[in-house]
Amino acid sequence: MQKVLRAYKFRLYPSEAQKASLAQTFGCARFVYNHFLHARSQAWQEHRTSCSYAKDCKALTELKKAPECSWLNDVSNIALQQSLRHLSQAFQNFFSKRSRYPAFKRKEGHQAFTLMRHGFGLQDGKLRLARFEGLLEVRWSRALPSAPSQVTITKDPAGRYFASFLCEEQVAALAPASRDTGIDLGLLSFITDAQGVPVAPPKFLAKLLHQVRRLSQALARKRKGSANRSKARLRLAALHARIADARSNFLHQLSTHLLRENQAVYAEELSIRGLMRTRLARSIADAAWGELLRQLRYKAQWYGRTFWQAPRNFASSKLCSACGCKNTELTLSQRRWRCVCGAEHERDTNAARNLLAAGRAAMEHRTAGLAGA
């Protein structure tokens, strides 16, 4: 058993008056984030000075005293401070090369604010927020494992409201499995394991692409700023939300299934950002390989499994899984090929077997190194 922090997300159904209060808090949190992002960028460009969270908090206190920004006092200060924490974390991710330079938040995009434990509470199955009149209706789908330490209120582009509670939970390791496997990611087959079992690509976007195009064209015809354009945008956003929800559900079920059935899962490290510059960008985005690998990584830590990725220069498709000979003339269009040793290979299955062998070798090397230490 180990303690992990896990988010539980539930749908909210606010009234019209509550939607107005939420919109005010969203707007204030977004303003603070954008204001201090601009201030940090300007301070660096003009004076080569960097800012910190503590310095931004002091500046926020002074900003709230200014007559032109007095409306910031109408919302919870906790939400504004958390917005500054998110900005600091965004800069840390940028300097650690985990993400790009922080971008300004848009009014039409995803909206969110976060409250810590003393800024919210649960009362009679409803959610109470600081500086917020009334209780928010929550659609509970399951019980929380512990008292939440923070809540994040979000509004997606489709106009849906959610509350995400961060809870500490005891997660038990899965029972030991009798096998391990390698998986090869692809477009013809979403994944193929070392046993040669493929998983068909769900193609959530491709199946509804005709509807996406139709709604996109209808949106483009609407006059900017009109009520009809807002309605058309919501219809398109609702369709994209439907696609994203189906994809997320599929990936969670697949990643959990792989880790339940296998003691170790070995995959390849992909340069998805580079692949998104090719003509297959839409299909790659629809497949969401990066999200599957991310889920496998953190779920393996939760459940006591092993997840390992081969380096990008590992030629999993071109190596013969029988003799190790490399076929340098293999092209992407060749799905089956014969090695000089006489072995016949199906491209994806061969790659998965090579990843399995490489993963086992890496784990043995790591175990030997720990034993030697």
Protein backbone atom coordinates (compact mmCIF):
# COMPACT_ATOMS: atom_id res chain seq x y z
CA MET A 1 0.00 0.00 0.00
CA GLN A 2 1.22 3.48 -0.81
CA LYS A 3 -0.23 6.93 -0.43
CA VAL A 4 -0.89 8.82 -3.66
CA LEU A 5 -2.61 12.06 -4.53
CA ARG A 6 -5.53 11.40 -6.82
CA ALA A 7 -8.04 13.76 -8.42
CA TYR A 8 -11.76 12.92 -8.45
CA LYS A 9 -13.76 14.86 -11.01
CA PHE A 10 -17.51 15.46 -10.83
CA ARG A 11 -20.00 17.41 -12.90
CA LEU A 12 -21.44 20.63 -11.46
CA TYR A 13 -24.85 22.09 -12.24
CA PRO A 14 -24.82 25.76 -11.16
CA SER A 15 -27.82 28.07 -11.43
CA GLU A 16 -27.73 31.14 -13.66
CA ALA A 17 -26.80 33.37 -10.72
CA GLN A 18 -24.05 30.93 -9.70
CA LYS A 19 -22.74 30.86 -13.27
CA ALA A 20 -22.33 34.64 -13.11
CA SER A 21 -20.37 34.35 -9.83
CA LEU A 22 -18.19 31.59 -11.28
CA ALA A 23 -17.55 33.68 -14.39
CA GLN A 24 -16.41 36.56 -12.18
CA THR A 25 -13.94 34.32 -10.34
CA PHE A 26 -12.72 32.77 -13.61
CA GLY A 27 -12.15 36.25 -15.01
CA CYS A 28 -10.26 37.52 -11.96
CA ALA A 29 -8.01 34.45 -11.83
CA ARG A 30 -7.33 34.76 -15.56
CA PHE A 31 -6.58 38.50 -15.24
CA VAL A 32 -4.09 37.91 -12.42
CA TYR A 33 -2.33 35.15 -14.36
CA ASN A 34 -2.06 37.23 -17.54
CA HIS A 35 -1.09 40.43 -15.69
CA PHE A 36 1.82 38.86 -13.86
CA LEU A 37 2.90 36.83 -16.88
CA HIS A 38 3.22 40.12 -18.77
CA ALA A 39 5.01 41.71 -15.79
CA ARG A 40 7.51 38.87 -15.54
CA SER A 41 8.22 38.91 -19.28
CA GLN A 42 8.63 42.69 -19.30
CA ALA A 43 10.92 42.66 -16.24
CA TRP A 44 13.21 40.17 -17.93
CA GLN A 45 13.26 41.92 -21.30
CA GLU A 46 13.90 45.38 -19.88
CA HIS A 47 15.94 44.78 -16.73
CA ARG A 48 17.02 41.11 -16.92
CA THR A 49 15.42 40.51 -13.50
CA SER A 50 13.36 37.47 -12.53
CA CYS A 51 10.33 37.37 -10.24
CA SER A 52 9.23 34.87 -7.63
CA TYR A 53 5.91 33.81 -6.18
CA ALA A 54 6.55 35.80 -2.98
CA LYS A 55 7.31 38.96 -4.93
CA ASP A 56 4.20 38.48 -7.08
CA CYS A 57 2.04 38.07 -3.94
CA LYS A 58 3.26 41.42 -2.62
CA ALA A 59 2.56 43.02 -5.97
CA LEU A 60 -0.92 41.44 -5.99
CA THR A 61 -1.70 43.08 -2.63
CA GLU A 62 -0.77 46.47 -4.06
CA LEU A 63 -2.69 45.77 -7.26
CA LYS A 64 -5.90 45.10 -5.31
CA LYS A 65 -5.55 48.50 -3.63
CA ALA A 66 -5.53 50.31 -6.97
CA PRO A 67 -8.94 51.90 -7.75
CA GLU A 68 -8.98 50.50 -11.30
CA CYS A 69 -8.55 46.95 -9.98
CA SER A 70 -10.76 47.13 -6.88
CA TRP A 71 -13.05 44.47 -8.40
CA LEU A 72 -10.40 41.87 -7.56
CA ASN A 73 -11.55 42.17 -3.93
CA ASP A 74 -14.97 40.74 -4.85
CA VAL A 75 -13.61 37.18 -5.21
CA SER A 76 -11.67 34.87 -2.92
CA ASN A 77 -8.03 35.86 -2.49
CA ILE A 78 -7.18 32.14 -2.34
CA ALA A 79 -8.14 31.71 -6.00
CA LEU A 80 -5.92 34.65 -6.99
CA GLN A 81 -2.93 33.35 -5.02
CA GLN A 82 -3.35 29.91 -6.54
CA SER A 83 -3.32 31.54 -9.97
CA LEU A 84 0.11 32.96 -9.10
CA ARG A 85 1.26 29.52 -7.95
CA HIS A 86 0.17 28.06 -11.28
CA LEU A 87 2.16 30.77 -13.06
CA SER A 88 5.27 29.99 -11.00
CA GLN A 89 4.86 26.28 -11.74
CA ALA A 90 4.50 27.07 -15.46
CA PHE A 91 7.82 28.92 -15.40
CA GLN A 92 9.47 26.07 -13.48
CA ASN A 93 8.26 23.63 -16.13
CA PHE A 94 9.62 25.92 -18.84
CA PHE A 95 13.05 26.28 -17.26
CA SER A 96 13.15 22.49 -16.67
CA LYS A 97 12.37 22.02 -20.39
CA ARG A 98 9.19 20.12 -19.61
CA SER A 99 6.98 22.60 -21.46
CA ARG A 100 7.01 25.69 -23.62
CA TYR A 101 7.04 29.30 -22.45
CA PRO A 102 3.81 30.12 -20.55
CA ALA A 103 1.04 31.47 -22.76
CA PHE A 104 -1.68 33.97 -21.97
CA LYS A 105 -5.07 32.52 -21.03
CA ARG A 106 -8.02 33.27 -23.34
CA LYS A 107 -11.52 34.21 -22.32
CA GLU A 108 -13.04 31.75 -24.82
CA GLY A 109 -10.93 28.78 -23.80
CA HIS A 110 -10.71 26.48 -20.80
CA GLN A 111 -11.48 28.36 -17.55
CA ALA A 112 -10.34 27.29 -14.08
CA PHE A 113 -9.55 28.41 -10.57
CA THR A 114 -8.32 26.50 -7.52
CA LEU A 115 -9.17 26.78 -3.83
CA MET A 116 -7.26 25.20 -0.97
CA ARG A 117 -8.84 23.39 1.98
CA HIS A 118 -9.82 26.53 3.93
CA GLY A 119 -11.48 28.00 0.83
CA PHE A 120 -14.21 25.39 0.32
CA GLY A 121 -16.30 22.81 2.12
CA LEU A 122 -18.91 20.10 1.63
CA GLN A 123 -22.34 20.57 3.17
CA ASP A 124 -25.26 18.17 2.73
CA GLY A 125 -23.69 16.72 -0.41
CA LYS A 126 -23.21 20.16 -1.96
CA LEU A 127 -20.12 22.29 -2.50
CA ARG A 128 -19.57 25.55 -0.65
CA LEU A 129 -16.97 28.01 -2.01
CA ALA A 130 -15.37 30.98 -0.27
CA ARG A 131 -16.90 34.38 -1.15
CA PHE A 132 -19.66 32.56 -2.98
CA GLU A 133 -23.34 32.70 -2.09
CA GLY A 134 -25.30 29.47 -2.15
CA LEU A 135 -24.26 25.84 -2.51
CA LEU A 136 -23.25 24.23 -5.79
CA GLU A 137 -25.08 21.11 -6.94
CA VAL A 138 -22.65 18.21 -7.49
CA ARG A 139 -23.43 15.04 -9.44
CA TRP A 140 -21.66 12.47 -7.26
CA SER A 141 -20.70 9.30 -9.13
CA ARG A 142 -18.61 7.79 -6.33
CA ALA A 143 -17.52 8.55 -2.79
CA LEU A 144 -14.34 10.46 -1.99
CA PRO A 145 -11.70 8.27 -0.27
CA SER A 146 -10.65 11.05 2.13
CA ALA A 147 -11.15 14.71 2.89
CA PRO A 148 -10.01 16.70 -0.16
CA SER A 149 -7.09 19.10 0.25
CA GLN A 150 -8.04 21.31 -2.70
CA VAL A 151 -10.70 21.71 -5.36
CA THR A 152 -10.37 23.00 -8.91
CA ILE A 153 -13.47 24.41 -10.56
CA THR A 154 -13.35 24.27 -14.35
CA LYS A 155 -15.51 25.26 -17.27
CA ASP A 156 -14.73 23.63 -20.60
CA PRO A 157 -15.31 25.26 -24.02
CA ALA A 158 -18.59 23.31 -24.30
CA GLY A 159 -19.97 25.19 -21.29
CA ARG A 160 -19.83 22.27 -18.84
CA TYR A 161 -18.76 22.85 -15.22
CA PHE A 162 -16.67 20.40 -13.18
CA ALA A 163 -15.18 20.15 -9.70
CA SER A 164 -11.94 18.20 -9.31
CA PHE A 165 -11.14 17.19 -5.71
CA LEU A 166 -7.55 16.31 -4.80
CA CYS A 167 -7.54 13.50 -2.22
CA GLU A 168 -4.89 11.39 -0.56
CA GLU A 169 -5.60 7.72 -1.14
CA GLN A 170 -4.08 4.38 -0.19
CA VAL A 171 -3.46 2.39 -3.38
CA ALA A 172 -2.71 -1.31 -3.11
CA ALA A 173 -0.29 -2.99 -5.48
CA LEU A 174 -1.81 -5.44 -7.95
CA ALA A 175 -1.31 -9.17 -7.55
CA PRO A 176 1.85 -10.36 -9.37
CA ALA A 177 1.29 -11.21 -13.02
CA SER A 178 2.87 -14.18 -14.78
CA ARG A 179 4.08 -12.37 -17.90
CA ASP A 180 5.46 -9.13 -19.29
CA THR A 181 5.11 -7.65 -22.76
CA GLY A 182 6.31 -5.07 -25.22
CA ILE A 183 3.93 -2.83 -27.12
CA ASP A 184 4.42 -1.16 -30.48
CA LEU A 185 2.34 1.95 -31.16
CA GLY A 186 0.97 2.53 -34.62
CA LEU A 187 -1.86 3.87 -36.75
CA LEU A 188 -2.97 0.71 -38.58
CA SER A 189 -3.09 -1.03 -35.20
CA PHE A 190 -3.25 1.24 -32.17
CA ILE A 191 -0.95 -1.12 -30.27
CA THR A 192 0.44 -4.57 -30.99
CA ASP A 193 1.90 -6.64 -28.16
CA ALA A 194 4.72 -9.15 -28.22
CA GLN A 195 2.24 -12.01 -28.56
CA GLY A 196 1.05 -10.50 -31.85
CA VAL A 197 -2.35 -9.41 -30.52
CA PRO A 198 -3.38 -6.08 -32.08
CA VAL A 199 -5.76 -3.46 -30.69
CA ALA A 200 -7.72 -1.77 -33.45
CA PRO A 201 -7.41 2.02 -33.58
CA PRO A 202 -10.63 3.61 -32.26
CA LYS A 203 -10.30 6.71 -34.51
CA PHE A 204 -12.69 8.82 -32.48
CA LEU A 205 -12.05 11.99 -34.47
CA ALA A 206 -11.95 10.26 -37.87
CA LYS A 207 -15.37 8.68 -37.33
CA LEU A 208 -16.97 12.06 -36.60
CA LEU A 209 -14.80 14.17 -38.90
CA HIS A 210 -17.70 14.84 -41.26
CA GLN A 211 -19.67 16.36 -38.39
CA VAL A 212 -16.67 18.39 -37.24
CA ARG A 213 -16.22 19.81 -40.73
CA ARG A 214 -19.90 20.63 -41.09
CA LEU A 215 -20.05 22.45 -37.75
CA SER A 216 -16.74 24.22 -38.44
CA GLN A 217 -18.07 25.50 -41.75
CA ALA A 218 -21.28 26.67 -40.07
CA LEU A 219 -19.22 28.52 -37.45
CA ALA A 220 -17.10 30.21 -40.12
CA ARG A 221 -20.22 31.61 -41.80
CA LYS A 222 -21.48 33.34 -38.65
CA ARG A 223 -20.77 37.02 -38.06
CA LYS A 224 -18.18 37.61 -35.33
CA GLY A 225 -19.71 38.80 -32.08
CA SER A 226 -23.21 37.57 -32.92
CA ALA A 227 -25.35 35.31 -30.73
CA ASN A 228 -25.59 32.78 -33.56
CA ARG A 229 -21.80 32.52 -33.65
CA SER A 230 -21.74 31.78 -29.92
CA LYS A 231 -24.33 29.04 -30.40
CA ALA A 232 -22.40 27.55 -33.32
CA ARG A 233 -19.17 27.61 -31.27
CA LEU A 234 -20.87 25.76 -28.41
CA ARG A 235 -22.19 23.08 -30.78
CA LEU A 236 -18.71 22.51 -32.19
CA ALA A 237 -17.15 22.51 -28.71
CA ALA A 238 -19.74 19.97 -27.50
CA LEU A 239 -18.80 17.63 -30.34
CA HIS A 240 -15.09 17.94 -29.55
CA ALA A 241 -15.85 17.31 -25.87
CA ARG A 242 -17.74 14.14 -26.83
CA ILE A 243 -14.72 12.94 -28.83
CA ALA A 244 -12.27 13.79 -26.04
CA ASP A 245 -14.38 12.00 -23.40
CA ALA A 246 -14.60 8.83 -25.50
CA ARG A 247 -10.86 8.89 -26.15
CA SER A 248 -10.04 9.42 -22.48
CA ASN A 249 -12.29 6.53 -21.42
CA PHE A 250 -10.68 4.21 -23.98
CA LEU A 251 -7.12 5.11 -22.93
CA HIS A 252 -7.83 4.65 -19.22
CA GLN A 253 -9.38 1.23 -19.79
CA LEU A 254 -6.54 0.12 -22.07
CA SER A 255 -3.72 1.32 -19.80
CA THR A 256 -5.29 -0.32 -16.75
CA HIS A 257 -5.84 -3.58 -18.67
CA LEU A 258 -2.21 -3.69 -19.83
CA LEU A 259 -0.89 -3.26 -16.30
CA ARG A 260 -3.32 -5.76 -14.78
CA GLU A 261 -2.34 -8.47 -17.26
CA ASN A 262 1.44 -7.83 -17.31
CA GLN A 263 4.06 -7.44 -14.60
CA ALA A 264 6.10 -5.19 -16.90
CA VAL A 265 5.23 -3.19 -20.01
CA TYR A 266 7.97 -2.02 -22.39
CA ALA A 267 7.35 0.63 -25.02
CA GLU A 268 9.30 3.05 -27.18
CA GLU A 269 10.00 6.72 -26.58
CA LEU A 270 8.44 8.80 -29.33
CA SER A 271 9.14 12.31 -30.57
CA ILE A 272 5.47 13.17 -30.83
CA ARG A 273 6.17 16.87 -31.34
CA GLY A 274 8.27 15.99 -34.37
CA LEU A 275 5.67 13.56 -35.70
CA MET A 276 3.04 16.28 -35.45
CA ARG A 277 4.89 18.17 -38.20
CA THR A 278 4.22 15.40 -40.72
CA ARG A 279 1.22 14.82 -42.98
CA LEU A 280 -0.07 12.26 -40.46
CA ALA A 281 -0.47 14.89 -37.74
CA ARG A 282 -4.25 14.63 -37.46
CA SER A 283 -4.19 10.82 -37.16
CA ILE A 284 -1.38 10.99 -34.60
CA ALA A 285 -3.26 13.57 -32.54
CA ASP A 286 -6.38 11.40 -32.70
CA ALA A 287 -4.40 8.37 -31.47
CA ALA A 288 -3.07 10.27 -28.39
CA TRP A 289 -0.02 8.05 -27.92
CA GLY A 290 1.51 10.49 -25.46
CA GLU A 291 -1.47 10.27 -23.14
CA LEU A 292 -1.36 6.46 -23.16
CA LEU A 293 2.35 6.47 -22.25
CA ARG A 294 1.73 9.04 -19.51
CA GLN A 295 -1.01 6.89 -17.97
CA LEU A 296 1.14 3.77 -18.13
CA ARG A 297 3.96 5.62 -16.37
CA TYR A 298 2.03 6.85 -13.34
CA LYS A 299 -0.25 3.81 -13.03
CA ALA A 300 2.79 1.52 -13.01
CA GLN A 301 4.07 3.45 -9.98
CA TRP A 302 0.68 3.16 -8.30
CA TYR A 303 0.20 -0.55 -8.83
CA GLY A 304 3.76 -1.83 -8.33
CA ARG A 305 4.38 -2.60 -11.98
CA THR A 306 7.37 -1.87 -14.24
CA PHE A 307 7.15 0.50 -17.19
CA TRP A 308 10.20 1.16 -19.37
CA GLN A 309 10.71 3.02 -22.64
CA ALA A 310 13.40 2.32 -25.21
CA PRO A 311 15.42 5.34 -26.41
CA ARG A 312 14.36 7.05 -29.63
CA ASN A 313 17.31 5.71 -31.61
CA PHE A 314 16.32 2.09 -30.90
CA ALA A 315 15.41 0.53 -34.28
CA SER A 316 12.63 -1.72 -33.02
CA SER A 317 11.03 -2.28 -36.45
CA LYS A 318 14.24 -2.93 -38.40
CA LEU A 319 15.87 -5.43 -36.06
CA CYS A 320 15.19 -9.12 -36.52
CA SER A 321 13.76 -10.46 -33.26
CA ALA A 322 15.22 -13.91 -34.07
CA CYS A 323 18.86 -13.14 -34.90
CA GLY A 324 19.28 -9.40 -34.21
CA CYS A 325 20.26 -8.53 -37.78
CA LYS A 326 19.26 -5.00 -38.88
CA ASN A 327 17.32 -4.50 -42.10
CA THR A 328 18.47 -1.02 -43.15
CA GLU A 329 16.38 -1.10 -46.36
CA LEU A 330 13.03 -1.57 -44.61
CA THR A 331 10.54 1.15 -45.55
CA LEU A 332 7.44 2.34 -43.72
CA SER A 333 5.12 0.80 -46.32
CA GLN A 334 6.55 -2.73 -45.84
CA ARG A 335 4.36 -4.49 -43.30
CA ARG A 336 5.97 -7.93 -43.68
CA TRP A 337 9.61 -8.80 -44.39
CA ARG A 338 12.01 -11.74 -44.39
CA CYS A 339 15.38 -11.65 -42.62
CA VAL A 340 18.57 -13.15 -44.05
CA CYS A 341 18.31 -15.81 -41.33
CA GLY A 342 15.03 -16.97 -42.90
CA ALA A 343 12.69 -15.63 -40.22
CA GLU A 344 9.52 -13.94 -41.49
CA HIS A 345 8.22 -10.97 -39.56
CA GLU A 346 5.06 -8.95 -39.27
CA ARG A 347 6.36 -5.43 -38.74
CA ASP A 348 4.47 -4.43 -35.58
CA THR A 349 4.75 -7.79 -33.83
CA ASN A 350 8.49 -7.89 -34.54
CA ALA A 351 8.90 -4.40 -33.08
CA ALA A 352 6.98 -5.37 -29.93
CA ARG A 353 9.17 -8.46 -29.46
CA ASN A 354 12.32 -6.37 -29.84
CA LEU A 355 11.01 -3.92 -27.23
CA LEU A 356 10.26 -6.82 -24.91
CA ALA A 357 13.80 -8.20 -25.28
CA ALA A 358 15.36 -4.75 -24.82
CA GLY A 359 13.22 -4.07 -21.77
CA ARG A 360 14.13 -7.35 -20.13
CA ALA A 361 17.82 -6.71 -20.78
CA ALA A 362 17.55 -3.21 -19.29
CA MET A 363 15.81 -4.54 -16.18
CA GLU A 364 18.43 -7.28 -15.72
CA HIS A 365 21.20 -4.71 -16.06
CA ARG A 366 19.50 -2.47 -13.50
CA THR A 367 19.03 -5.37 -11.08
CA ALA A 368 22.69 -6.38 -11.46
CA GLY A 369 23.77 -2.79 -10.84
CA LEU A 370 21.70 -2.56 -7.65
CA ALA A 371 23.05 -5.90 -6.46
CA GLY A 372 26.63 -4.74 -7.11
CA ALA A 373 26.06 -1.51 -5.22
